[in-house]
PDB file of N, CA and C in Angstrom:
ATOM      1  N   MET A   1     183.176  83.780 190.728  1.00  0.00           N
ATOM      2  CA  MET A   1     182.841  85.022 190.054  1.00  0.00           C
ATOM      3  C   MET A   1     183.085  84.817 188.566  1.00  0.00           C
ATOM      4  N   LEU A   2     182.037  85.012 187.799  1.00  0.00           N
ATOM      5  CA  LEU A   2     182.104  84.827 186.357  1.00  0.00           C
ATOM      6  C   LEU A   2     181.904  86.184 185.686  1.00  0.00           C
ATOM      7  N   ASP A   3     182.947  86.675 185.037  1.00  0.00           N
ATOM      8  CA  ASP A   3     182.917  88.040 184.528  1.00  0.00           C
ATOM      9  C   ASP A   3     183.529  88.091 183.137  1.00  0.00           C
ATOM     10  N   PRO A   4     182.793  88.565 182.170  1.00  0.00           N
ATOM     11  CA  PRO A   4     181.361  88.836 182.105  1.00  0.00           C
ATOM     12  C   PRO A   4     180.588  87.625 181.566  1.00  0.00           C
ATOM     13  N   PHE A   5     179.288  87.665 181.724  1.00  0.00           N
ATOM     14  CA  PHE A   5     178.414  86.575 181.299  1.00  0.00           C
ATOM     15  C   PHE A   5     178.606  86.238 179.823  1.00  0.00           C
ATOM     16  N   VAL A   6     178.780  87.241 179.007  1.00  0.00           N
ATOM     17  CA  VAL A   6     178.895  87.029 177.565  1.00  0.00           C
ATOM     18  C   VAL A   6     180.079  86.123 177.200  1.00  0.00           C
ATOM     19  N   ARG A   7     181.101  86.040 178.047  1.00  0.00           N
ATOM     20  CA  ARG A   7     182.269  85.197 177.764  1.00  0.00           C
ATOM     21  C   ARG A   7     182.077  83.743 178.203  1.00  0.00           C
ATOM     22  N   LEU A   8     180.942  83.414 178.823  1.00  0.00           N
ATOM     23  CA  LEU A   8     180.695  82.056 179.317  1.00  0.00           C
ATOM     24  C   LEU A   8     180.068  81.152 178.278  1.00  0.00           C
ATOM     25  N   HIS A   9     179.629  81.692 177.182  1.00  0.00           N
ATOM     26  CA  HIS A   9     178.804  80.913 176.268  1.00  0.00           C
ATOM     27  C   HIS A   9     178.968  81.370 174.825  1.00  0.00           C
ATOM     28  N   ARG A  10     178.320  80.633 173.945  1.00  0.00           N
ATOM     29  CA  ARG A  10     178.244  81.021 172.530  1.00  0.00           C
ATOM     30  C   ARG A  10     176.794  80.937 172.084  1.00  0.00           C
ATOM     31  N   ILE A  11     175.906  81.414 172.933  1.00  0.00           N
ATOM     32  CA  ILE A  11     174.470  81.344 172.656  1.00  0.00           C
ATOM     33  C   ILE A  11     173.953  82.700 172.228  1.00  0.00           C
ATOM     34  N   ASP A  12     172.701  82.726 171.823  1.00  0.00           N
ATOM     35  CA  ASP A  12     172.019  83.973 171.508  1.00  0.00           C
ATOM     36  C   ASP A  12     171.456  84.524 172.814  1.00  0.00           C
ATOM     37  N   GLU A  13     172.016  85.625 173.314  1.00  0.00           N
ATOM     38  CA  GLU A  13     171.570  86.206 174.587  1.00  0.00           C
ATOM     39  C   GLU A  13     170.115  86.659 174.551  1.00  0.00           C
ATOM     40  N   ASN A  14     169.546  86.809 173.382  1.00  0.00           N
ATOM     41  CA  ASN A  14     168.153  87.230 173.275  1.00  0.00           C
ATOM     42  C   ASN A  14     167.182  86.048 173.299  1.00  0.00           C
ATOM     43  N   SER A  15     167.695  84.835 173.271  1.00  0.00           N
ATOM     44  CA  SER A  15     166.861  83.637 173.280  1.00  0.00           C
ATOM     45  C   SER A  15     166.655  83.169 174.716  1.00  0.00           C
ATOM     46  N   ALA A  16     165.411  83.266 175.200  1.00  0.00           N
ATOM     47  CA  ALA A  16     165.112  82.838 176.569  1.00  0.00           C
ATOM     48  C   ALA A  16     165.460  81.371 176.777  1.00  0.00           C
ATOM     49  N   ALA A  17     165.199  80.514 175.791  1.00  0.00           N
ATOM     50  CA  ALA A  17     165.486  79.076 175.921  1.00  0.00           C
ATOM     51  C   ALA A  17     166.984  78.835 176.083  1.00  0.00           C
ATOM     52  N   GLU A  18     167.796  79.526 175.298  1.00  0.00           N
ATOM     53  CA  GLU A  18     169.239  79.323 175.362  1.00  0.00           C
ATOM     54  C   GLU A  18     169.831  79.895 176.647  1.00  0.00           C
ATOM     55  N   VAL A  19     169.375  81.095 177.028  1.00  0.00           N
ATOM     56  CA  VAL A  19     169.875  81.724 178.251  1.00  0.00           C
ATOM     57  C   VAL A  19     169.460  80.900 179.463  1.00  0.00           C
ATOM     58  N   SER A  20     168.216  80.442 179.506  1.00  0.00           N
ATOM     59  CA  SER A  20     167.749  79.694 180.675  1.00  0.00           C
ATOM     60  C   SER A  20     168.528  78.389 180.848  1.00  0.00           C
ATOM     61  N   ALA A  21     168.994  77.778 179.772  1.00  0.00           N
ATOM     62  CA  ALA A  21     169.796  76.547 179.884  1.00  0.00           C
ATOM     63  C   ALA A  21     171.132  76.837 180.573  1.00  0.00           C
ATOM     64  N   VAL A  22     171.793  77.923 180.208  1.00  0.00           N
ATOM     65  CA  VAL A  22     173.063  78.294 180.847  1.00  0.00           C
ATOM     66  C   VAL A  22     172.825  78.624 182.317  1.00  0.00           C
ATOM     67  N   LEU A  23     171.775  79.391 182.596  1.00  0.00           N
ATOM     68  CA  LEU A  23     171.486  79.780 183.975  1.00  0.00           C
ATOM     69  C   LEU A  23     171.066  78.580 184.821  1.00  0.00           C
ATOM     70  N   ALA A  24     170.367  77.619 184.242  1.00  0.00           N
ATOM     71  CA  ALA A  24     169.991  76.402 184.972  1.00  0.00           C
ATOM     72  C   ALA A  24     171.248  75.631 185.378  1.00  0.00           C
ATOM     73  N   PHE A  25     172.224  75.562 184.476  1.00  0.00           N
ATOM     74  CA  PHE A  25     173.483  74.905 184.811  1.00  0.00           C
ATOM     75  C   PHE A  25     174.170  75.613 185.976  1.00  0.00           C
ATOM     76  N   LEU A  26     174.207  76.944 185.951  1.00  0.00           N
ATOM     77  CA  LEU A  26     174.839  77.696 187.034  1.00  0.00           C
ATOM     78  C   LEU A  26     174.103  77.480 188.353  1.00  0.00           C
ATOM     79  N   ARG A  27     172.776  77.369 188.313  1.00  0.00           N
ATOM     80  CA  ARG A  27     171.999  77.103 189.532  1.00  0.00           C
ATOM     81  C   ARG A  27     172.338  75.707 190.058  1.00  0.00           C
ATOM     82  N   GLU A  28     172.526  74.720 189.168  1.00  0.00           N
ATOM     83  CA  GLU A  28     172.920  73.370 189.583  1.00  0.00           C
ATOM     84  C   GLU A  28     174.283  73.390 190.280  1.00  0.00           C
ATOM     85  N   VAL A  29     175.222  74.148 189.738  1.00  0.00           N
ATOM     86  CA  VAL A  29     176.550  74.280 190.358  1.00  0.00           C
ATOM     87  C   VAL A  29     176.391  74.888 191.748  1.00  0.00           C
ATOM     88  N   GLN A  30     175.588  75.928 191.849  1.00  0.00           N
ATOM     89  CA  GLN A  30     175.366  76.608 193.121  1.00  0.00           C
ATOM     90  C   GLN A  30     174.822  75.630 194.165  1.00  0.00           C
ATOM     91  N   ARG A  31     173.824  74.861 193.804  1.00  0.00           N
ATOM     92  CA  ARG A  31     173.195  73.942 194.760  1.00  0.00           C
ATOM     93  C   ARG A  31     174.088  72.741 195.071  1.00  0.00           C
ATOM     94  N   ALA A  32     174.752  72.206 194.074  1.00  0.00           N
ATOM     95  CA  ALA A  32     175.602  71.029 194.284  1.00  0.00           C
ATOM     96  C   ALA A  32     176.776  71.328 195.208  1.00  0.00           C
ATOM     97  N   HIS A  33     177.284  72.543 195.163  1.00  0.00           N
ATOM     98  CA  HIS A  33     178.465  72.913 195.945  1.00  0.00           C
ATOM     99  C   HIS A  33     178.144  73.863 197.093  1.00  0.00           C
ATOM    100  N   ASP A  34     176.845  74.149 197.303  1.00  0.00           N
ATOM    101  CA  ASP A  34     176.410  75.026 198.390  1.00  0.00           C
ATOM    102  C   ASP A  34     177.253  76.302 198.423  1.00  0.00           C
ATOM    103  N   THR A  35     177.250  76.989 197.282  1.00  0.00           N
ATOM    104  CA  THR A  35     178.078  78.181 197.144  1.00  0.00           C
ATOM    105  C   THR A  35     177.320  79.276 196.400  1.00  0.00           C
ATOM    106  N   ALA A  36     177.813  80.449 196.502  1.00  0.00           N
ATOM    107  CA  ALA A  36     177.250  81.560 195.737  1.00  0.00           C
ATOM    108  C   ALA A  36     177.870  81.570 194.350  1.00  0.00           C
ATOM    109  N   VAL A  37     177.092  81.971 193.392  1.00  0.00           N
ATOM    110  CA  VAL A  37     177.588  82.156 192.029  1.00  0.00           C
ATOM    111  C   VAL A  37     177.363  83.620 191.695  1.00  0.00           C
ATOM    112  N   LEU A  38     178.440  84.340 191.455  1.00  0.00           N
ATOM    113  CA  LEU A  38     178.359  85.750 191.120  1.00  0.00           C
ATOM    114  C   LEU A  38     178.633  85.891 189.630  1.00  0.00           C
ATOM    115  N   VAL A  39     177.684  86.498 188.921  1.00  0.00           N
ATOM    116  CA  VAL A  39     177.816  86.672 187.483  1.00  0.00           C
ATOM    117  C   VAL A  39     177.748  88.164 187.170  1.00  0.00           C
ATOM    118  N   VAL A  40     178.697  88.648 186.401  1.00  0.00           N
ATOM    119  CA  VAL A  40     178.703  90.034 185.958  1.00  0.00           C
ATOM    120  C   VAL A  40     178.047  90.077 184.578  1.00  0.00           C
ATOM    121  N   HIS A  41     177.085  90.960 184.442  1.00  0.00           N
ATOM    122  CA  HIS A  41     176.382  91.103 183.165  1.00  0.00           C
ATOM    123  C   HIS A  41     176.261  92.597 182.880  1.00  0.00           C
ATOM    124  N   HIS A  42     176.053  92.943 181.647  1.00  0.00           N
ATOM    125  CA  HIS A  42     176.003  94.348 181.263  1.00  0.00           C
ATOM    126  C   HIS A  42     174.597  94.776 180.890  1.00  0.00           C
ATOM    127  N   ALA A  43     174.346  96.052 181.077  1.00  0.00           N
ATOM    128  CA  ALA A  43     173.058  96.635 180.705  1.00  0.00           C
ATOM    129  C   ALA A  43     173.117  97.108 179.260  1.00  0.00           C
ATOM    130  N   ARG A  44     171.932  97.266 178.695  1.00  0.00           N
ATOM    131  CA  ARG A  44     171.849  97.864 177.360  1.00  0.00           C
ATOM    132  C   ARG A  44     172.287  99.323 177.472  1.00  0.00           C
ATOM    133  N   LYS A  45     172.823  99.837 176.402  1.00  0.00           N
ATOM    134  CA  LYS A  45     173.163 101.259 176.384  1.00  0.00           C
ATOM    135  C   LYS A  45     171.876 102.063 176.460  1.00  0.00           C
ATOM    136  N   ASN A  46     171.908 103.120 177.224  1.00  0.00           N
ATOM    137  CA  ASN A  46     170.760 104.008 177.405  1.00  0.00           C
ATOM    138  C   ASN A  46     169.529 103.269 177.919  1.00  0.00           C
ATOM    139  N   ALA A  47     169.743 102.275 178.788  1.00  0.00           N
ATOM    140  CA  ALA A  47     168.612 101.540 179.360  1.00  0.00           C
ATOM    141  C   ALA A  47     167.847 102.456 180.303  1.00  0.00           C
ATOM    142  N   SER A  48     166.528 102.347 180.269  1.00  0.00           N
ATOM    143  CA  SER A  48     165.710 103.144 181.177  1.00  0.00           C
ATOM    144  C   SER A  48     164.846 102.198 181.990  1.00  0.00           C
ATOM    145  N   GLY A  49     164.135 102.730 182.957  1.00  0.00           N
ATOM    146  CA  GLY A  49     163.288 101.903 183.800  1.00  0.00           C
ATOM    147  C   GLY A  49     164.098 101.287 184.922  1.00  0.00           C
ATOM    148  N   SER A  50     163.595 100.170 185.480  1.00  0.00           N
ATOM    149  CA  SER A  50     164.299  99.526 186.585  1.00  0.00           C
ATOM    150  C   SER A  50     165.621  98.948 186.083  1.00  0.00           C
ATOM    151  N   ALA A  51     166.556  98.863 186.991  1.00  0.00           N
ATOM    152  CA  ALA A  51     167.888  98.390 186.617  1.00  0.00           C
ATOM    153  C   ALA A  51     167.847  96.983 186.027  1.00  0.00           C
ATOM    154  N   GLY A  52     167.090  96.095 186.638  1.00  0.00           N
ATOM    155  CA  GLY A  52     167.014  94.717 186.153  1.00  0.00           C
ATOM    156  C   GLY A  52     166.418  94.606 184.773  1.00  0.00           C
ATOM    157  N   GLN A  53     165.477  95.483 184.463  1.00  0.00           N
ATOM    158  CA  GLN A  53     164.868  95.459 183.138  1.00  0.00           C
ATOM    159  C   GLN A  53     165.801  96.014 182.070  1.00  0.00           C
ATOM    160  N   GLY A  54     166.886  96.661 182.483  1.00  0.00           N
ATOM    161  CA  GLY A  54     167.831  97.238 181.532  1.00  0.00           C
ATOM    162  C   GLY A  54     168.945  96.296 181.125  1.00  0.00           C
ATOM    163  N   LEU A  55     168.938  95.060 181.652  1.00  0.00           N
ATOM    164  CA  LEU A  55     170.002  94.122 181.296  1.00  0.00           C
ATOM    165  C   LEU A  55     169.918  93.718 179.832  1.00  0.00           C
ATOM    166  N   ARG A  56     171.058  93.461 179.238  1.00  0.00           N
ATOM    167  CA  ARG A  56     171.104  93.005 177.847  1.00  0.00           C
ATOM    168  C   ARG A  56     170.460  91.640 177.723  1.00  0.00           C
ATOM    169  N   GLY A  57     169.879  91.371 176.580  1.00  0.00           N
ATOM    170  CA  GLY A  57     169.399  90.034 176.251  1.00  0.00           C
ATOM    171  C   GLY A  57     168.099  89.646 176.924  1.00  0.00           C
ATOM    172  N   SER A  58     167.939  88.351 177.114  1.00  0.00           N
ATOM    173  CA  SER A  58     166.710  87.766 177.640  1.00  0.00           C
ATOM    174  C   SER A  58     166.401  88.244 179.055  1.00  0.00           C
ATOM    175  N   GLY A  59     165.129  88.401 179.351  1.00  0.00           N
ATOM    176  CA  GLY A  59     164.684  88.756 180.694  1.00  0.00           C
ATOM    177  C   GLY A  59     164.903  87.636 181.696  1.00  0.00           C
ATOM    178  N   ASP A  60     165.231  86.434 181.221  1.00  0.00           N
ATOM    179  CA  ASP A  60     165.491  85.315 182.124  1.00  0.00           C
ATOM    180  C   ASP A  60     166.659  85.615 183.061  1.00  0.00           C
ATOM    181  N   PHE A  61     167.598  86.416 182.604  1.00  0.00           N
ATOM    182  CA  PHE A  61     168.750  86.732 183.446  1.00  0.00           C
ATOM    183  C   PHE A  61     168.293  87.476 184.696  1.00  0.00           C
ATOM    184  N   HIS A  62     167.444  88.465 184.535  1.00  0.00           N
ATOM    185  CA  HIS A  62     166.935  89.230 185.678  1.00  0.00           C
ATOM    186  C   HIS A  62     166.096  88.328 186.578  1.00  0.00           C
ATOM    187  N   ALA A  63     165.284  87.461 186.004  1.00  0.00           N
ATOM    188  CA  ALA A  63     164.425  86.565 186.781  1.00  0.00           C
ATOM    189  C   ALA A  63     165.249  85.536 187.565  1.00  0.00           C
ATOM    190  N   TRP A  64     166.436  85.193 187.103  1.00  0.00           N
ATOM    191  CA  TRP A  64     167.282  84.178 187.727  1.00  0.00           C
ATOM    192  C   TRP A  64     167.928  84.671 189.013  1.00  0.00           C
ATOM    193  N   THR A  65     168.154  85.943 189.147  1.00  0.00           N
ATOM    194  CA  THR A  65     168.945  86.455 190.271  1.00  0.00           C
ATOM    195  C   THR A  65     168.210  86.341 191.598  1.00  0.00           C
ATOM    196  N   ASP A  66     168.970  86.036 192.645  1.00  0.00           N
ATOM    197  CA  ASP A  66     168.453  86.081 194.012  1.00  0.00           C
ATOM    198  C   ASP A  66     168.717  87.462 194.594  1.00  0.00           C
ATOM    199  N   SER A  67     169.891  87.994 194.341  1.00  0.00           N
ATOM    200  CA  SER A  67     170.278  89.341 194.753  1.00  0.00           C
ATOM    201  C   SER A  67     171.075  89.950 193.610  1.00  0.00           C
ATOM    202  N   ALA A  68     170.910  91.227 193.421  1.00  0.00           N
ATOM    203  CA  ALA A  68     171.615  91.883 192.320  1.00  0.00           C
ATOM    204  C   ALA A  68     172.103  93.256 192.755  1.00  0.00           C
ATOM    205  N   LEU A  69     173.295  93.596 192.314  1.00  0.00           N
ATOM    206  CA  LEU A  69     173.852  94.935 192.491  1.00  0.00           C
ATOM    207  C   LEU A  69     173.986  95.544 191.114  1.00  0.00           C
ATOM    208  N   TYR A  70     173.417  96.704 190.923  1.00  0.00           N
ATOM    209  CA  TYR A  70     173.495  97.394 189.638  1.00  0.00           C
ATOM    210  C   TYR A  70     174.321  98.651 189.853  1.00  0.00           C
ATOM    211  N   VAL A  71     175.351  98.811 189.040  1.00  0.00           N
ATOM    212  CA  VAL A  71     176.236  99.967 189.155  1.00  0.00           C
ATOM    213  C   VAL A  71     176.057 100.806 187.896  1.00  0.00           C
ATOM    214  N   ARG A  72     175.691 102.062 188.110  1.00  0.00           N
ATOM    215  CA  ARG A  72     175.527 103.003 186.997  1.00  0.00           C
ATOM    216  C   ARG A  72     176.289 104.277 187.311  1.00  0.00           C
ATOM    217  N   ARG A  73     176.776 104.897 186.259  1.00  0.00           N
ATOM    218  CA  ARG A  73     177.453 106.182 186.420  1.00  0.00           C
ATOM    219  C   ARG A  73     176.410 107.287 186.282  1.00  0.00           C
ATOM    220  N   ARG A  74     176.381 108.192 187.262  1.00  0.00           N
ATOM    221  CA  ARG A  74     175.471 109.328 187.213  1.00  0.00           C
ATOM    222  C   ARG A  74     176.241 110.577 187.623  1.00  0.00           C
ATOM    223  N   ARG A  75     176.381 111.500 186.672  1.00  0.00           N
ATOM    224  CA  ARG A  75     177.110 112.754 186.915  1.00  0.00           C
ATOM    225  C   ARG A  75     178.467 112.511 187.565  1.00  0.00           C
ATOM    226  N   GLY A  76     179.196 111.514 187.080  1.00  0.00           N
ATOM    227  CA  GLY A  76     180.533 111.249 187.591  1.00  0.00           C
ATOM    228  C   GLY A  76     180.577 110.337 188.804  1.00  0.00           C
ATOM    229  N   ASP A  77     179.436 110.059 189.435  1.00  0.00           N
ATOM    230  CA  ASP A  77     179.396 109.166 190.587  1.00  0.00           C
ATOM    231  C   ASP A  77     179.056 107.750 190.141  1.00  0.00           C
ATOM    232  N   LEU A  78     179.455 106.773 190.932  1.00  0.00           N
ATOM    233  CA  LEU A  78     179.029 105.391 190.724  1.00  0.00           C
ATOM    234  C   LEU A  78     177.908 105.108 191.716  1.00  0.00           C
ATOM    235  N   VAL A  79     176.705 104.936 191.200  1.00  0.00           N
ATOM    236  CA  VAL A  79     175.525 104.719 192.031  1.00  0.00           C
ATOM    237  C   VAL A  79     175.211 103.231 192.028  1.00  0.00           C
ATOM    238  N   VAL A  80     175.083 102.655 193.221  1.00  0.00           N
ATOM    239  CA  VAL A  80     174.781 101.232 193.368  1.00  0.00           C
ATOM    240  C   VAL A  80     173.328 101.088 193.825  1.00  0.00           C
ATOM    241  N   THR A  81     172.582 100.301 193.072  1.00  0.00           N
ATOM    242  CA  THR A  81     171.206  99.961 193.411  1.00  0.00           C
ATOM    243  C   THR A  81     171.183  98.464 193.703  1.00  0.00           C
ATOM    244  N   VAL A  82     170.493  98.081 194.775  1.00  0.00           N
ATOM    245  CA  VAL A  82     170.452  96.688 195.197  1.00  0.00           C
ATOM    246  C   VAL A  82     169.029  96.163 195.042  1.00  0.00           C
ATOM    247  N   GLU A  83     168.900  94.932 194.548  1.00  0.00           N
ATOM    248  CA  GLU A  83     167.604  94.254 194.497  1.00  0.00           C
ATOM    249  C   GLU A  83     167.772  92.876 195.112  1.00  0.00           C
ATOM    250  N   HIS A  84     166.774  92.457 195.901  1.00  0.00           N
ATOM    251  CA  HIS A  84     166.768  91.124 196.503  1.00  0.00           C
ATOM    252  C   HIS A  84     165.454  90.444 196.173  1.00  0.00           C
ATOM    253  N   ARG A  85     165.513  89.143 195.975  1.00  0.00           N
ATOM    254  CA  ARG A  85     164.306  88.369 195.702  1.00  0.00           C
ATOM    255  C   ARG A  85     163.402  88.311 196.936  1.00  0.00           C
ATOM    256  N   ALA A  86     163.974  88.155 198.130  1.00  0.00           N
ATOM    257  CA  ALA A  86     163.173  87.878 199.318  1.00  0.00           C
ATOM    258  C   ALA A  86     163.365  88.889 200.445  1.00  0.00           C
ATOM    259  N   ALA A  87     163.818  90.079 200.123  1.00  0.00           N
ATOM    260  CA  ALA A  87     164.022  91.088 201.164  1.00  0.00           C
ATOM    261  C   ALA A  87     163.904  92.474 200.554  1.00  0.00           C
ATOM    262  N   ALA A  88     163.559  93.416 201.409  1.00  0.00           N
ATOM    263  CA  ALA A  88     163.489  94.807 200.952  1.00  0.00           C
ATOM    264  C   ALA A  88     164.898  95.298 200.621  1.00  0.00           C
ATOM    265  N   ALA A  89     164.985  96.079 199.588  1.00  0.00           N
ATOM    266  CA  ALA A  89     166.291  96.606 199.167  1.00  0.00           C
ATOM    267  C   ALA A  89     166.619  97.876 199.942  1.00  0.00           C
ATOM    268  N   PRO A  90     167.896  98.098 200.223  1.00  0.00           N
ATOM    269  CA  PRO A  90     168.292  99.375 200.828  1.00  0.00           C
ATOM    270  C   PRO A  90     168.194 100.492 199.800  1.00  0.00           C
ATOM    271  N   ASP A  91     168.277 101.725 200.272  1.00  0.00           N
ATOM    272  CA  ASP A  91     168.312 102.855 199.357  1.00  0.00           C
ATOM    273  C   ASP A  91     169.574 102.774 198.504  1.00  0.00           C
ATOM    274  N   PRO A  92     169.521 103.282 197.265  1.00  0.00           N
ATOM    275  CA  PRO A  92     170.743 103.344 196.452  1.00  0.00           C
ATOM    276  C   PRO A  92     171.813 104.164 197.173  1.00  0.00           C
ATOM    277  N   PHE A  93     173.072 103.870 196.873  1.00  0.00           N
ATOM    278  CA  PHE A  93     174.169 104.612 197.492  1.00  0.00           C
ATOM    279  C   PHE A  93     175.272 104.848 196.473  1.00  0.00           C
ATOM    280  N   VAL A  94     176.140 105.788 196.798  1.00  0.00           N
ATOM    281  CA  VAL A  94     177.242 106.175 195.917  1.00  0.00           C
ATOM    282  C   VAL A  94     178.533 105.609 196.480  1.00  0.00           C
ATOM    283  N   VAL A  95     179.358 105.031 195.603  1.00  0.00           N
ATOM    284  CA  VAL A  95     180.662 104.535 196.027  1.00  0.00           C
ATOM    285  C   VAL A  95     181.745 105.262 195.250  1.00  0.00           C
ATOM    286  N   GLY A  96     182.925 105.272 195.814  1.00  0.00           N
ATOM    287  CA  GLY A  96     184.054 105.912 195.149  1.00  0.00           C
ATOM    288  C   GLY A  96     185.342 105.478 195.813  1.00  0.00           C
ATOM    289  N   TRP A  97     186.438 106.031 195.363  1.00  0.00           N
ATOM    290  CA  TRP A  97     187.748 105.699 195.910  1.00  0.00           C
ATOM    291  C   TRP A  97     188.198 106.781 196.864  1.00  0.00           C
ATOM    292  N   SER A  98     188.695 106.384 198.026  1.00  0.00           N
ATOM    293  CA  SER A  98     189.312 107.327 198.960  1.00  0.00           C
ATOM    294  C   SER A  98     190.757 107.507 198.537  1.00  0.00           C
ATOM    295  N   PRO A  99     191.140 108.730 198.209  1.00  0.00           N
ATOM    296  CA  PRO A  99     192.540 108.939 197.810  1.00  0.00           C
ATOM    297  C   PRO A  99     193.460 108.772 199.010  1.00  0.00           C
ATOM    298  N   SER A 100     194.598 108.189 198.768  1.00  0.00           N
ATOM    299  CA  SER A 100     195.581 107.992 199.822  1.00  0.00           C
ATOM    300  C   SER A 100     196.957 107.927 199.174  1.00  0.00           C
ATOM    301  N   ALA A 101     197.944 108.343 199.909  1.00  0.00           N
ATOM    302  CA  ALA A 101     199.309 108.304 199.384  1.00  0.00           C
ATOM    303  C   ALA A 101     199.827 106.874 199.288  1.00  0.00           C
ATOM    304  N   THR A 102     199.315 105.970 200.121  1.00  0.00           N
ATOM    305  CA  THR A 102     199.855 104.610 200.151  1.00  0.00           C
ATOM    306  C   THR A 102     198.961 103.574 199.474  1.00  0.00           C
ATOM    307  N   HIS A 103     197.649 103.770 199.501  1.00  0.00           N
ATOM    308  CA  HIS A 103     196.750 102.796 198.901  1.00  0.00           C
ATOM    309  C   HIS A 103     195.378 103.427 198.667  1.00  0.00           C
ATOM    310  N   ARG A 104     194.568 102.755 197.864  1.00  0.00           N
ATOM    311  CA  ARG A 104     193.217 103.242 197.584  1.00  0.00           C
ATOM    312  C   ARG A 104     192.223 102.346 198.299  1.00  0.00           C
ATOM    313  N   ARG A 105     191.183 102.946 198.848  1.00  0.00           N
ATOM    314  CA  ARG A 105     190.140 102.185 199.511  1.00  0.00           C
ATOM    315  C   ARG A 105     188.795 102.566 198.913  1.00  0.00           C
ATOM    316  N   LEU A 106     187.978 101.547 198.718  1.00  0.00           N
ATOM    317  CA  LEU A 106     186.615 101.791 198.257  1.00  0.00           C
ATOM    318  C   LEU A 106     185.828 102.344 199.436  1.00  0.00           C
ATOM    319  N   ARG A 107     185.031 103.375 199.195  1.00  0.00           N
ATOM    320  CA  ARG A 107     184.250 103.963 200.286  1.00  0.00           C
ATOM    321  C   ARG A 107     182.835 104.238 199.816  1.00  0.00           C
ATOM    322  N   ILE A 108     181.923 104.226 200.760  1.00  0.00           N
ATOM    323  CA  ILE A 108     180.556 104.664 200.487  1.00  0.00           C
ATOM    324  C   ILE A 108     180.539 106.147 200.798  1.00  0.00           C
ATOM    325  N   SER A 109     180.305 106.952 199.782  1.00  0.00           N
ATOM    326  CA  SER A 109     180.390 108.392 199.974  1.00  0.00           C
ATOM    327  C   SER A 109     179.046 109.012 200.322  1.00  0.00           C
ATOM    328  N   SER A 110     177.984 108.234 200.174  1.00  0.00           N
ATOM    329  CA  SER A 110     176.664 108.772 200.493  1.00  0.00           C
ATOM    330  C   SER A 110     175.709 107.614 200.720  1.00  0.00           C
ATOM    331  N   SER A 111     174.891 107.715 201.755  1.00  0.00           N
ATOM    332  CA  SER A 111     173.899 106.672 201.960  1.00  0.00           C
ATOM    333  C   SER A 111     172.613 107.010 201.219  1.00  0.00           C
ATOM    334  N   ARG A 112     172.501 108.216 200.751  1.00  0.00           N
ATOM    335  CA  ARG A 112     171.332 108.629 199.972  1.00  0.00           C
ATOM    336  C   ARG A 112     171.807 109.232 198.661  1.00  0.00           C
ATOM    337  N   VAL A 113     171.123 108.868 197.618  1.00  0.00           N
ATOM    338  CA  VAL A 113     171.464 109.370 196.288  1.00  0.00           C
ATOM    339  C   VAL A 113     170.511 110.492 195.943  1.00  0.00           C
ATOM    340  N   THR A 114     171.067 111.597 195.464  1.00  0.00           N
ATOM    341  CA  THR A 114     170.221 112.693 195.001  1.00  0.00           C
ATOM    342  C   THR A 114     169.506 112.246 193.741  1.00  0.00           C
ATOM    343  N   PRO A 115     168.174 112.387 193.701  1.00  0.00           N
ATOM    344  CA  PRO A 115     167.464 111.941 192.499  1.00  0.00           C
ATOM    345  C   PRO A 115     167.907 112.706 191.270  1.00  0.00           C
ATOM    346  N   LYS A 116     167.716 112.075 190.116  1.00  0.00           N
ATOM    347  CA  LYS A 116     168.034 112.749 188.861  1.00  0.00           C
ATOM    348  C   LYS A 116     167.197 114.011 188.767  1.00  0.00           C
ATOM    349  N   PRO A 117     167.761 115.090 188.266  1.00  0.00           N
ATOM    350  CA  PRO A 117     166.967 116.303 188.109  1.00  0.00           C
ATOM    351  C   PRO A 117     165.887 116.089 187.044  1.00  0.00           C
ATOM    352  N   SER A 118     164.741 116.672 187.279  1.00  0.00           N
ATOM    353  CA  SER A 118     163.663 116.587 186.284  1.00  0.00           C
ATOM    354  C   SER A 118     164.040 117.422 185.085  1.00  0.00           C
ATOM    355  N   PRO A 119     163.639 116.969 183.895  1.00  0.00           N
ATOM    356  CA  PRO A 119     163.956 117.772 182.718  1.00  0.00           C
ATOM    357  C   PRO A 119     163.200 119.092 182.785  1.00  0.00           C
ATOM    358  N   PRO A 120     163.764 120.142 182.199  1.00  0.00           N
ATOM    359  CA  PRO A 120     163.076 121.432 182.237  1.00  0.00           C
ATOM    360  C   PRO A 120     161.748 121.323 181.486  1.00  0.00           C
ATOM    361  N   PRO A 121     160.741 122.088 181.923  1.00  0.00           N
ATOM    362  CA  PRO A 121     159.452 122.023 181.240  1.00  0.00           C
ATOM    363  C   PRO A 121     159.593 122.512 179.808  1.00  0.00           C
ATOM    364  N   SER A 122     158.783 121.931 178.918  1.00  0.00           N
ATOM    365  CA  SER A 122     158.816 122.374 177.523  1.00  0.00           C
ATOM    366  C   SER A 122     158.206 123.750 177.428  1.00  0.00           C
ATOM    367  N   PRO A 123     158.735 124.540 176.525  1.00  0.00           N
ATOM    368  CA  PRO A 123     158.145 125.881 176.375  1.00  0.00           C
ATOM    369  C   PRO A 123     156.684 125.752 175.898  1.00  0.00           C
ATOM    370  N   ALA A 124     155.885 126.663 176.369  1.00  0.00           N
ATOM    371  CA  ALA A 124     154.467 126.645 175.971  1.00  0.00           C
ATOM    372  C   ALA A 124     154.352 126.927 174.488  1.00  0.00           C
ATOM    373  N   ALA A 125     153.415 126.224 173.884  1.00  0.00           N
ATOM    374  CA  ALA A 125     153.194 126.427 172.445  1.00  0.00           C
ATOM    375  C   ALA A 125     152.552 127.801 172.227  1.00  0.00           C
ATOM    376  N   PRO A 126     152.967 128.498 171.168  1.00  0.00           N
ATOM    377  CA  PRO A 126     152.372 129.817 170.907  1.00  0.00           C
ATOM    378  C   PRO A 126     150.868 129.664 170.611  1.00  0.00           C
ATOM    379  N   THR A 127     150.112 130.635 171.046  1.00  0.00           N
ATOM    380  CA  THR A 127     148.664 130.608 170.801  1.00  0.00           C
ATOM    381  C   THR A 127     148.265 131.580 169.746  1.00  0.00           C
TER     382      THR A 127
END
């Protein structure tokens, strides 16, 4: 587990050539040792569109992933969206902590996420 990606290098994250070289090395490690490589990366602030397209820097990072979990805060909830290269993704879900006197446990609090509310319609222009 490499957390966060920005601490692994001293490259320009916006340069596809530089990012792809780091990611190629990580893919070599993965294949040479027959292991998973988990990399934590951050999204741009106020990113819109698909979760993968909201990642900071070069789009090569999104293209490199085999499976990705995107965690976003929505109205106080942590919403997890999953993407897979070769399989259909499950519906997004909400995770949180189960309060307990002795310990905390991560729980899935909902298998379905309520969609974001639509913005209110703009007032009609005066005629």
